[in-house]
């Protein structure tokens, strides 16, 4: 067993460590999944099809789950850069 396989098995068996990627991907709506899969496709064209948007995390193979995790991590970094809410009135520009 490789070190990576050992570490993965440890995380699967340890109850205190839930799979954050699975939990967060599955609990969020299809709009979020669409954004995640679209970002993953941008970096790896053809990795995901449009009919896979509503699928749960478990549906995808390990290589594609790694792409999902990378996209979710990128999106989470963006969250710190943006304000919590942007008013619709920001569409107007000052002259």
PDB file of N, CA and C in Angstrom:
ATOM      1  N   UNK A   1       0.850  -1.172   0.000  1.00  0.00           N
ATOM      2  CA  UNK A   1       0.000   0.000   0.000  1.00  0.00           C
ATOM      3  C   UNK A   1       0.898   1.239   0.000  1.00  0.00           C
ATOM      4  N   UNK A   2       0.595   2.156  -0.904  1.00  0.00           N
ATOM      5  CA  UNK A   2       1.384   3.385  -0.977  1.00  0.00           C
ATOM      6  C   UNK A   2       1.004   4.309   0.178  1.00  0.00           C
ATOM      7  N   UNK A   3       1.804   5.323   0.382  1.00  0.00           N
ATOM      8  CA  UNK A   3       1.516   6.292   1.433  1.00  0.00           C
ATOM      9  C   UNK A   3       0.208   7.017   1.186  1.00  0.00           C
ATOM     10  N   UNK A   4      -0.065   7.335  -0.087  1.00  0.00           N
ATOM     11  CA  UNK A   4      -1.317   8.027  -0.427  1.00  0.00           C
ATOM     12  C   UNK A   4      -2.526   7.141  -0.141  1.00  0.00           C
ATOM     13  N   UNK A   5      -2.429   5.849  -0.481  1.00  0.00           N
ATOM     14  CA  UNK A   5      -3.521   4.910  -0.208  1.00  0.00           C
ATOM     15  C   UNK A   5      -3.729   4.746   1.292  1.00  0.00           C
ATOM     16  N   UNK A   6      -2.639   4.685   2.042  1.00  0.00           N
ATOM     17  CA  UNK A   6      -2.727   4.552   3.496  1.00  0.00           C
ATOM     18  C   UNK A   6      -3.418   5.772   4.102  1.00  0.00           C
ATOM     19  N   UNK A   7      -3.036   6.951   3.651  1.00  0.00           N
ATOM     20  CA  UNK A   7      -3.628   8.182   4.160  1.00  0.00           C
ATOM     21  C   UNK A   7      -5.112   8.258   3.805  1.00  0.00           C
ATOM     22  N   UNK A   8      -5.465   7.843   2.586  1.00  0.00           N
ATOM     23  CA  UNK A   8      -6.871   7.846   2.158  1.00  0.00           C
ATOM     24  C   UNK A   8      -7.688   6.877   3.003  1.00  0.00           C
ATOM     25  N   UNK A   9      -7.147   5.705   3.268  1.00  0.00           N
ATOM     26  CA  UNK A   9      -7.848   4.715   4.091  1.00  0.00           C
ATOM     27  C   UNK A   9      -8.031   5.231   5.514  1.00  0.00           C
ATOM     28  N   UNK A  10      -7.009   5.883   6.046  1.00  0.00           N
ATOM     29  CA  UNK A  10      -7.095   6.462   7.383  1.00  0.00           C
ATOM     30  C   UNK A  10      -8.253   7.450   7.455  1.00  0.00           C
ATOM     31  N   UNK A  11      -8.358   8.315   6.454  1.00  0.00           N
ATOM     32  CA  UNK A  11      -9.438   9.300   6.438  1.00  0.00           C
ATOM     33  C   UNK A  11     -10.805   8.646   6.284  1.00  0.00           C
ATOM     34  N   UNK A  12     -10.887   7.555   5.547  1.00  0.00           N
ATOM     35  CA  UNK A  12     -12.162   6.866   5.378  1.00  0.00           C
ATOM     36  C   UNK A  12     -12.615   6.226   6.679  1.00  0.00           C
ATOM     37  N   UNK A  13     -11.690   5.676   7.436  1.00  0.00           N
ATOM     38  CA  UNK A  13     -12.037   4.933   8.644  1.00  0.00           C
ATOM     39  C   UNK A  13     -12.220   5.811   9.870  1.00  0.00           C
ATOM     40  N   UNK A  14     -11.598   6.947   9.910  1.00  0.00           N
ATOM     41  CA  UNK A  14     -11.665   7.806  11.079  1.00  0.00           C
ATOM     42  C   UNK A  14     -12.986   8.572  11.084  1.00  0.00           C
ATOM     43  N   UNK A  15     -13.848   8.267  12.047  1.00  0.00           N
ATOM     44  CA  UNK A  15     -15.170   8.888  12.100  1.00  0.00           C
ATOM     45  C   UNK A  15     -15.091  10.391  12.338  1.00  0.00           C
ATOM     46  N   UNK A  16     -14.114  10.832  13.099  1.00  0.00           N
ATOM     47  CA  UNK A  16     -14.001  12.255  13.412  1.00  0.00           C
ATOM     48  C   UNK A  16     -13.679  13.082  12.170  1.00  0.00           C
ATOM     49  N   UNK A  17     -13.127  12.457  11.161  1.00  0.00           N
ATOM     50  CA  UNK A  17     -12.759  13.162   9.930  1.00  0.00           C
ATOM     51  C   UNK A  17     -13.745  12.789   8.832  1.00  0.00           C
ATOM     52  N   UNK A  18     -14.791  13.581   8.694  1.00  0.00           N
ATOM     53  CA  UNK A  18     -15.730  13.335   7.606  1.00  0.00           C
ATOM     54  C   UNK A  18     -15.122  13.851   6.310  1.00  0.00           C
ATOM     55  N   UNK A  19     -15.610  13.333   5.210  1.00  0.00           N
ATOM     56  CA  UNK A  19     -15.129  13.764   3.903  1.00  0.00           C
ATOM     57  C   UNK A  19     -15.745  15.132   3.592  1.00  0.00           C
ATOM     58  N   UNK A  20     -14.975  16.194   3.781  1.00  0.00           N
ATOM     59  CA  UNK A  20     -15.481  17.555   3.571  1.00  0.00           C
ATOM     60  C   UNK A  20     -15.863  17.808   2.120  1.00  0.00           C
ATOM     61  N   UNK A  21     -15.116  17.245   1.199  1.00  0.00           N
ATOM     62  CA  UNK A  21     -15.421  17.452  -0.219  1.00  0.00           C
ATOM     63  C   UNK A  21     -16.779  16.844  -0.555  1.00  0.00           C
ATOM     64  N   UNK A  22     -17.006  15.614  -0.130  1.00  0.00           N
ATOM     65  CA  UNK A  22     -18.280  14.935  -0.387  1.00  0.00           C
ATOM     66  C   UNK A  22     -19.426  15.697   0.261  1.00  0.00           C
ATOM     67  N   UNK A  23     -19.271  16.031   1.534  1.00  0.00           N
ATOM     68  CA  UNK A  23     -20.343  16.691   2.286  1.00  0.00           C
ATOM     69  C   UNK A  23     -20.703  18.031   1.656  1.00  0.00           C
ATOM     70  N   UNK A  24     -19.700  18.844   1.331  1.00  0.00           N
ATOM     71  CA  UNK A  24     -19.987  20.178   0.803  1.00  0.00           C
ATOM     72  C   UNK A  24     -20.473  20.150  -0.637  1.00  0.00           C
ATOM     73  N   UNK A  25     -19.927  19.287  -1.456  1.00  0.00           N
ATOM     74  CA  UNK A  25     -20.383  19.201  -2.843  1.00  0.00           C
ATOM     75  C   UNK A  25     -21.835  18.734  -2.891  1.00  0.00           C
ATOM     76  N   UNK A  26     -22.174  17.720  -2.094  1.00  0.00           N
ATOM     77  CA  UNK A  26     -23.524  17.161  -2.143  1.00  0.00           C
ATOM     78  C   UNK A  26     -24.576  18.061  -1.509  1.00  0.00           C
ATOM     79  N   UNK A  27     -24.205  18.876  -0.527  1.00  0.00           N
ATOM     80  CA  UNK A  27     -25.223  19.684   0.156  1.00  0.00           C
ATOM     81  C   UNK A  27     -25.597  20.940  -0.623  1.00  0.00           C
ATOM     82  N   UNK A  28     -24.741  21.362  -1.545  1.00  0.00           N
ATOM     83  CA  UNK A  28     -25.022  22.585  -2.275  1.00  0.00           C
ATOM     84  C   UNK A  28     -25.828  22.306  -3.546  1.00  0.00           C
ATOM     85  N   UNK A  29     -26.485  23.338  -4.044  1.00  0.00           N
ATOM     86  CA  UNK A  29     -27.435  23.170  -5.150  1.00  0.00           C
ATOM     87  C   UNK A  29     -26.744  22.977  -6.500  1.00  0.00           C
ATOM     88  N   UNK A  30     -27.581  22.775  -7.511  1.00  0.00           N
ATOM     89  CA  UNK A  30     -27.062  22.498  -8.851  1.00  0.00           C
ATOM     90  C   UNK A  30     -26.329  23.694  -9.458  1.00  0.00           C
ATOM     91  N   UNK A  31     -26.677  24.912  -9.052  1.00  0.00           N
ATOM     92  CA  UNK A  31     -25.946  26.083  -9.550  1.00  0.00           C
ATOM     93  C   UNK A  31     -24.485  26.021  -9.109  1.00  0.00           C
ATOM     94  N   UNK A  32     -24.265  25.660  -7.840  1.00  0.00           N
ATOM     95  CA  UNK A  32     -22.893  25.534  -7.334  1.00  0.00           C
ATOM     96  C   UNK A  32     -22.161  24.423  -8.074  1.00  0.00           C
ATOM     97  N   UNK A  33     -22.822  23.283  -8.243  1.00  0.00           N
ATOM     98  CA  UNK A  33     -22.189  22.157  -8.938  1.00  0.00           C
ATOM     99  C   UNK A  33     -21.853  22.537 -10.379  1.00  0.00           C
ATOM    100  N   UNK A  34     -22.732  23.301 -11.010  1.00  0.00           N
ATOM    101  CA  UNK A  34     -22.475  23.763 -12.372  1.00  0.00           C
ATOM    102  C   UNK A  34     -21.201  24.604 -12.425  1.00  0.00           C
ATOM    103  N   UNK A  35     -21.058  25.525 -11.477  1.00  0.00           N
ATOM    104  CA  UNK A  35     -19.872  26.384 -11.436  1.00  0.00           C
ATOM    105  C   UNK A  35     -18.615  25.555 -11.200  1.00  0.00           C
ATOM    106  N   UNK A  36     -18.679  24.613 -10.266  1.00  0.00           N
ATOM    107  CA  UNK A  36     -17.519  23.769  -9.953  1.00  0.00           C
ATOM    108  C   UNK A  36     -17.105  22.954 -11.177  1.00  0.00           C
ATOM    109  N   UNK A  37     -18.065  22.300 -11.812  1.00  0.00           N
ATOM    110  CA  UNK A  37     -17.742  21.456 -12.964  1.00  0.00           C
ATOM    111  C   UNK A  37     -17.295  22.287 -14.167  1.00  0.00           C
ATOM    112  N   UNK A  38     -17.874  23.477 -14.336  1.00  0.00           N
ATOM    113  CA  UNK A  38     -17.459  24.354 -15.431  1.00  0.00           C
ATOM    114  C   UNK A  38     -16.017  24.813 -15.234  1.00  0.00           C
ATOM    115  N   UNK A  39     -15.671  25.173 -14.007  1.00  0.00           N
ATOM    116  CA  UNK A  39     -14.291  25.575 -13.720  1.00  0.00           C
ATOM    117  C   UNK A  39     -13.333  24.409 -13.948  1.00  0.00           C
ATOM    118  N   UNK A  40     -13.736  23.223 -13.525  1.00  0.00           N
ATOM    119  CA  UNK A  40     -12.898  22.039 -13.751  1.00  0.00           C
ATOM    120  C   UNK A  40     -12.733  21.778 -15.251  1.00  0.00           C
ATOM    121  N   UNK A  41     -13.798  21.957 -16.015  1.00  0.00           N
ATOM    122  CA  UNK A  41     -13.723  21.764 -17.474  1.00  0.00           C
ATOM    123  C   UNK A  41     -12.855  22.821 -18.138  1.00  0.00           C
ATOM    124  N   UNK A  42     -12.831  24.003 -17.576  1.00  0.00           N
ATOM    125  CA  UNK A  42     -11.988  25.057 -18.148  1.00  0.00           C
ATOM    126  C   UNK A  42     -10.518  24.660 -18.055  1.00  0.00           C
ATOM    127  N   UNK A  43     -10.153  24.054 -16.941  1.00  0.00           N
ATOM    128  CA  UNK A  43      -8.764  23.635 -16.740  1.00  0.00           C
ATOM    129  C   UNK A  43      -8.463  22.284 -17.385  1.00  0.00           C
ATOM    130  N   UNK A  44      -9.492  21.445 -17.563  1.00  0.00           N
ATOM    131  CA  UNK A  44      -9.342  20.112 -18.157  1.00  0.00           C
ATOM    132  C   UNK A  44     -10.516  19.872 -19.099  1.00  0.00           C
ATOM    133  N   UNK A  45     -10.465  20.417 -20.306  1.00  0.00           N
ATOM    134  CA  UNK A  45     -11.599  20.338 -21.231  1.00  0.00           C
ATOM    135  C   UNK A  45     -12.100  18.908 -21.436  1.00  0.00           C
ATOM    136  N   UNK A  46     -13.426  18.768 -21.371  1.00  0.00           N
ATOM    137  CA  UNK A  46     -14.060  17.483 -21.616  1.00  0.00           C
ATOM    138  C   UNK A  46     -14.113  16.544 -20.429  1.00  0.00           C
ATOM    139  N   UNK A  47     -13.653  16.991 -19.263  1.00  0.00           N
ATOM    140  CA  UNK A  47     -13.651  16.113 -18.086  1.00  0.00           C
ATOM    141  C   UNK A  47     -15.072  15.826 -17.599  1.00  0.00           C
ATOM    142  N   UNK A  48     -15.974  16.800 -17.763  1.00  0.00           N
ATOM    143  CA  UNK A  48     -17.350  16.656 -17.291  1.00  0.00           C
ATOM    144  C   UNK A  48     -18.315  17.019 -18.413  1.00  0.00           C
ATOM    145  N   UNK A  49     -19.474  16.350 -18.419  1.00  0.00           N
ATOM    146  CA  UNK A  49     -20.531  16.637 -19.390  1.00  0.00           C
ATOM    147  C   UNK A  49     -21.636  17.433 -18.693  1.00  0.00           C
ATOM    148  N   UNK A  50     -22.425  18.148 -19.452  1.00  0.00           N
ATOM    149  CA  UNK A  50     -23.481  18.980 -18.869  1.00  0.00           C
ATOM    150  C   UNK A  50     -24.541  18.151 -18.150  1.00  0.00           C
ATOM    151  N   UNK A  51     -24.770  16.906 -18.571  1.00  0.00           N
ATOM    152  CA  UNK A  51     -25.784  16.082 -17.904  1.00  0.00           C
ATOM    153  C   UNK A  51     -25.295  15.520 -16.564  1.00  0.00           C
ATOM    154  N   UNK A  52     -24.054  15.792 -16.187  1.00  0.00           N
ATOM    155  CA  UNK A  52     -23.519  15.318 -14.912  1.00  0.00           C
ATOM    156  C   UNK A  52     -23.643  16.355 -13.796  1.00  0.00           C
ATOM    157  N   UNK A  53     -24.202  17.513 -14.098  1.00  0.00           N
ATOM    158  CA  UNK A  53     -24.273  18.596 -13.121  1.00  0.00           C
ATOM    159  C   UNK A  53     -25.012  18.191 -11.850  1.00  0.00           C
ATOM    160  N   UNK A  54     -26.095  17.478 -11.917  1.00  0.00           N
ATOM    161  CA  UNK A  54     -26.857  17.123 -10.726  1.00  0.00           C
ATOM    162  C   UNK A  54     -26.372  15.886  -9.990  1.00  0.00           C
ATOM    163  N   UNK A  55     -25.329  15.274 -10.466  1.00  0.00           N
ATOM    164  CA  UNK A  55     -24.847  14.010  -9.886  1.00  0.00           C
ATOM    165  C   UNK A  55     -24.163  14.241  -8.541  1.00  0.00           C
ATOM    166  N   UNK A  56     -24.275  13.272  -7.627  1.00  0.00           N
ATOM    167  CA  UNK A  56     -23.583  13.392  -6.338  1.00  0.00           C
ATOM    168  C   UNK A  56     -22.084  13.150  -6.496  1.00  0.00           C
ATOM    169  N   UNK A  57     -21.342  13.550  -5.497  1.00  0.00           N
ATOM    170  CA  UNK A  57     -19.877  13.428  -5.484  1.00  0.00           C
ATOM    171  C   UNK A  57     -19.436  11.990  -5.715  1.00  0.00           C
ATOM    172  N   UNK A  58     -20.160  11.036  -5.145  1.00  0.00           N
ATOM    173  CA  UNK A  58     -19.797   9.622  -5.242  1.00  0.00           C
ATOM    174  C   UNK A  58     -19.868   9.092  -6.673  1.00  0.00           C
ATOM    175  N   UNK A  59     -20.615   9.745  -7.531  1.00  0.00           N
ATOM    176  CA  UNK A  59     -20.788   9.319  -8.920  1.00  0.00           C
ATOM    177  C   UNK A  59     -19.477   9.382  -9.704  1.00  0.00           C
ATOM    178  N   UNK A  60     -18.614  10.341  -9.365  1.00  0.00           N
ATOM    179  CA  UNK A  60     -17.406  10.604 -10.140  1.00  0.00           C
ATOM    180  C   UNK A  60     -16.251   9.710  -9.701  1.00  0.00           C
ATOM    181  N   UNK A  61     -15.377   9.363 -10.656  1.00  0.00           N
ATOM    182  CA  UNK A  61     -14.198   8.558 -10.320  1.00  0.00           C
ATOM    183  C   UNK A  61     -13.163   9.431  -9.598  1.00  0.00           C
ATOM    184  N   UNK A  62     -12.123   8.797  -9.086  1.00  0.00           N
ATOM    185  CA  UNK A  62     -11.147   9.498  -8.256  1.00  0.00           C
ATOM    186  C   UNK A  62     -10.460  10.653  -8.985  1.00  0.00           C
ATOM    187  N   UNK A  63     -10.097  10.458 -10.239  1.00  0.00           N
ATOM    188  CA  UNK A  63      -9.425  11.528 -10.980  1.00  0.00           C
ATOM    189  C   UNK A  63     -10.322  12.751 -11.128  1.00  0.00           C
ATOM    190  N   UNK A  64     -11.594  12.525 -11.407  1.00  0.00           N
ATOM    191  CA  UNK A  64     -12.511  13.653 -11.557  1.00  0.00           C
ATOM    192  C   UNK A  64     -12.856  14.268 -10.202  1.00  0.00           C
ATOM    193  N   UNK A  65     -12.873  13.461  -9.128  1.00  0.00           N
ATOM    194  CA  UNK A  65     -13.078  14.029  -7.788  1.00  0.00           C
ATOM    195  C   UNK A  65     -11.919  14.959  -7.422  1.00  0.00           C
ATOM    196  N   UNK A  66     -10.706  14.618  -7.851  1.00  0.00           N
ATOM    197  CA  UNK A  66      -9.559  15.509  -7.607  1.00  0.00           C
ATOM    198  C   UNK A  66      -9.750  16.842  -8.325  1.00  0.00           C
ATOM    199  N   UNK A  67     -10.308  16.808  -9.528  1.00  0.00           N
ATOM    200  CA  UNK A  67     -10.592  18.050 -10.259  1.00  0.00           C
ATOM    201  C   UNK A  67     -11.666  18.870  -9.543  1.00  0.00           C
ATOM    202  N   UNK A  68     -12.673  18.180  -9.004  1.00  0.00           N
ATOM    203  CA  UNK A  68     -13.735  18.853  -8.247  1.00  0.00           C
ATOM    204  C   UNK A  68     -13.141  19.540  -7.021  1.00  0.00           C
ATOM    205  N   UNK A  69     -12.283  18.831  -6.300  1.00  0.00           N
ATOM    206  CA  UNK A  69     -11.659  19.403  -5.102  1.00  0.00           C
ATOM    207  C   UNK A  69     -10.824  20.626  -5.462  1.00  0.00           C
ATOM    208  N   UNK A  70     -10.049  20.540  -6.528  1.00  0.00           N
ATOM    209  CA  UNK A  70      -9.227  21.684  -6.950  1.00  0.00           C
ATOM    210  C   UNK A  70     -10.108  22.890  -7.283  1.00  0.00           C
ATOM    211  N   UNK A  71     -11.223  22.654  -7.954  1.00  0.00           N
ATOM    212  CA  UNK A  71     -12.139  23.746  -8.299  1.00  0.00           C
ATOM    213  C   UNK A  71     -12.793  24.330  -7.056  1.00  0.00           C
ATOM    214  N   UNK A  72     -13.217  23.475  -6.129  1.00  0.00           N
ATOM    215  CA  UNK A  72     -13.835  23.961  -4.890  1.00  0.00           C
ATOM    216  C   UNK A  72     -12.833  24.778  -4.075  1.00  0.00           C
ATOM    217  N   UNK A  73     -11.579  24.361  -4.043  1.00  0.00           N
ATOM    218  CA  UNK A  73     -10.553  25.122  -3.322  1.00  0.00           C
ATOM    219  C   UNK A  73     -10.328  26.486  -3.960  1.00  0.00           C
ATOM    220  N   UNK A  74     -10.336  26.529  -5.286  1.00  0.00           N
ATOM    221  CA  UNK A  74     -10.159  27.806  -5.990  1.00  0.00           C
ATOM    222  C   UNK A  74     -11.335  28.733  -5.687  1.00  0.00           C
ATOM    223  N   UNK A  75     -12.545  28.202  -5.718  1.00  0.00           N
ATOM    224  CA  UNK A  75     -13.735  29.003  -5.432  1.00  0.00           C
ATOM    225  C   UNK A  75     -13.706  29.511  -3.994  1.00  0.00           C
ATOM    226  N   UNK A  76     -13.271  28.684  -3.061  1.00  0.00           N
ATOM    227  CA  UNK A  76     -13.239  29.121  -1.660  1.00  0.00           C
ATOM    228  C   UNK A  76     -12.239  30.263  -1.464  1.00  0.00           C
ATOM    229  N   UNK A  77     -11.157  30.282  -2.211  1.00  0.00           N
ATOM    230  CA  UNK A  77     -10.204  31.398  -2.128  1.00  0.00           C
ATOM    231  C   UNK A  77     -10.831  32.686  -2.663  1.00  0.00           C
ATOM    232  N   UNK A  78     -11.668  32.564  -3.676  1.00  0.00           N
ATOM    233  CA  UNK A  78     -12.333  33.749  -4.219  1.00  0.00           C
ATOM    234  C   UNK A  78     -13.271  34.369  -3.199  1.00  0.00           C
ATOM    235  N   UNK A  79     -13.862  33.541  -2.347  1.00  0.00           N
ATOM    236  CA  UNK A  79     -14.812  34.036  -1.357  1.00  0.00           C
ATOM    237  C   UNK A  79     -14.228  35.102  -0.456  1.00  0.00           C
ATOM    238  N   UNK A  80     -12.956  34.998  -0.130  1.00  0.00           N
ATOM    239  CA  UNK A  80     -12.318  35.992   0.718  1.00  0.00           C
ATOM    240  C   UNK A  80     -12.039  37.302  -0.005  1.00  0.00           C
ATOM    241  N   UNK A  81     -12.046  37.275  -1.325  1.00  0.00           N
ATOM    242  CA  UNK A  81     -11.743  38.477  -2.106  1.00  0.00           C
ATOM    243  C   UNK A  81     -12.977  39.337  -2.359  1.00  0.00           C
ATOM    244  N   UNK A  82     -14.150  38.748  -2.262  1.00  0.00           N
ATOM    245  CA  UNK A  82     -15.379  39.458  -2.598  1.00  0.00           C
ATOM    246  C   UNK A  82     -16.133  39.878  -1.343  1.00  0.00           C
ATOM    247  N   UNK A  83     -16.875  40.993  -1.429  1.00  0.00           N
ATOM    248  CA  UNK A  83     -17.727  41.356  -0.296  1.00  0.00           C
ATOM    249  C   UNK A  83     -18.861  40.349  -0.153  1.00  0.00           C
ATOM    250  N   UNK A  84     -19.475  40.327   1.006  1.00  0.00           N
ATOM    251  CA  UNK A  84     -20.542  39.362   1.274  1.00  0.00           C
ATOM    252  C   UNK A  84     -21.730  39.554   0.327  1.00  0.00           C
ATOM    253  N   UNK A  85     -22.059  40.801   0.022  1.00  0.00           N
ATOM    254  CA  UNK A  85     -23.199  41.096  -0.856  1.00  0.00           C
ATOM    255  C   UNK A  85     -22.851  42.318  -1.706  1.00  0.00           C
ATOM    256  N   UNK A  86     -23.235  42.281  -2.960  1.00  0.00           N
ATOM    257  CA  UNK A  86     -23.058  43.429  -3.854  1.00  0.00           C
ATOM    258  C   UNK A  86     -24.445  43.884  -4.280  1.00  0.00           C
ATOM    259  N   UNK A  87     -24.750  45.146  -4.048  1.00  0.00           N
ATOM    260  CA  UNK A  87     -26.056  45.697  -4.377  1.00  0.00           C
ATOM    261  C   UNK A  87     -26.269  45.712  -5.882  1.00  0.00           C
ATOM    262  N   UNK A  88     -27.505  45.491  -6.294  1.00  0.00           N
ATOM    263  CA  UNK A  88     -27.860  45.544  -7.709  1.00  0.00           C
ATOM    264  C   UNK A  88     -27.643  46.954  -8.261  1.00  0.00           C
ATOM    265  N   UNK A  89     -27.654  47.947  -7.377  1.00  0.00           N
ATOM    266  CA  UNK A  89     -27.464  49.337  -7.792  1.00  0.00           C
ATOM    267  C   UNK A  89     -26.032  49.627  -8.231  1.00  0.00           C
ATOM    268  N   UNK A  90     -25.133  48.692  -8.016  1.00  0.00           N
ATOM    269  CA  UNK A  90     -23.749  48.854  -8.466  1.00  0.00           C
ATOM    270  C   UNK A  90     -23.638  48.770  -9.991  1.00  0.00           C
ATOM    271  N   UNK A  91     -24.750  48.466 -10.677  1.00  0.00           N
ATOM    272  CA  UNK A  91     -24.707  48.418 -12.143  1.00  0.00           C
ATOM    273  C   UNK A  91     -24.577  49.814 -12.740  1.00  0.00           C
ATOM    274  N   UNK A  92     -24.917  50.843 -11.953  1.00  0.00           N
ATOM    275  CA  UNK A  92     -24.795  52.228 -12.419  1.00  0.00           C
ATOM    276  C   UNK A  92     -23.381  52.726 -12.177  1.00  0.00           C
ATOM    277  N   UNK A  93     -22.840  53.451 -13.154  1.00  0.00           N
ATOM    278  CA  UNK A  93     -21.496  54.013 -13.039  1.00  0.00           C
ATOM    279  C   UNK A  93     -21.575  55.520 -12.848  1.00  0.00           C
ATOM    280  N   UNK A  94     -20.666  56.061 -12.044  1.00  0.00           N
ATOM    281  CA  UNK A  94     -20.604  57.513 -11.857  1.00  0.00           C
ATOM    282  C   UNK A  94     -20.032  58.148 -13.121  1.00  0.00           C
ATOM    283  N   UNK A  95     -20.537  59.312 -13.445  1.00  0.00           N
ATOM    284  CA  UNK A  95     -20.058  60.006 -14.657  1.00  0.00           C
ATOM    285  C   UNK A  95     -18.744  60.650 -14.437  1.00  0.00           C
TER     286      UNK A  95
END
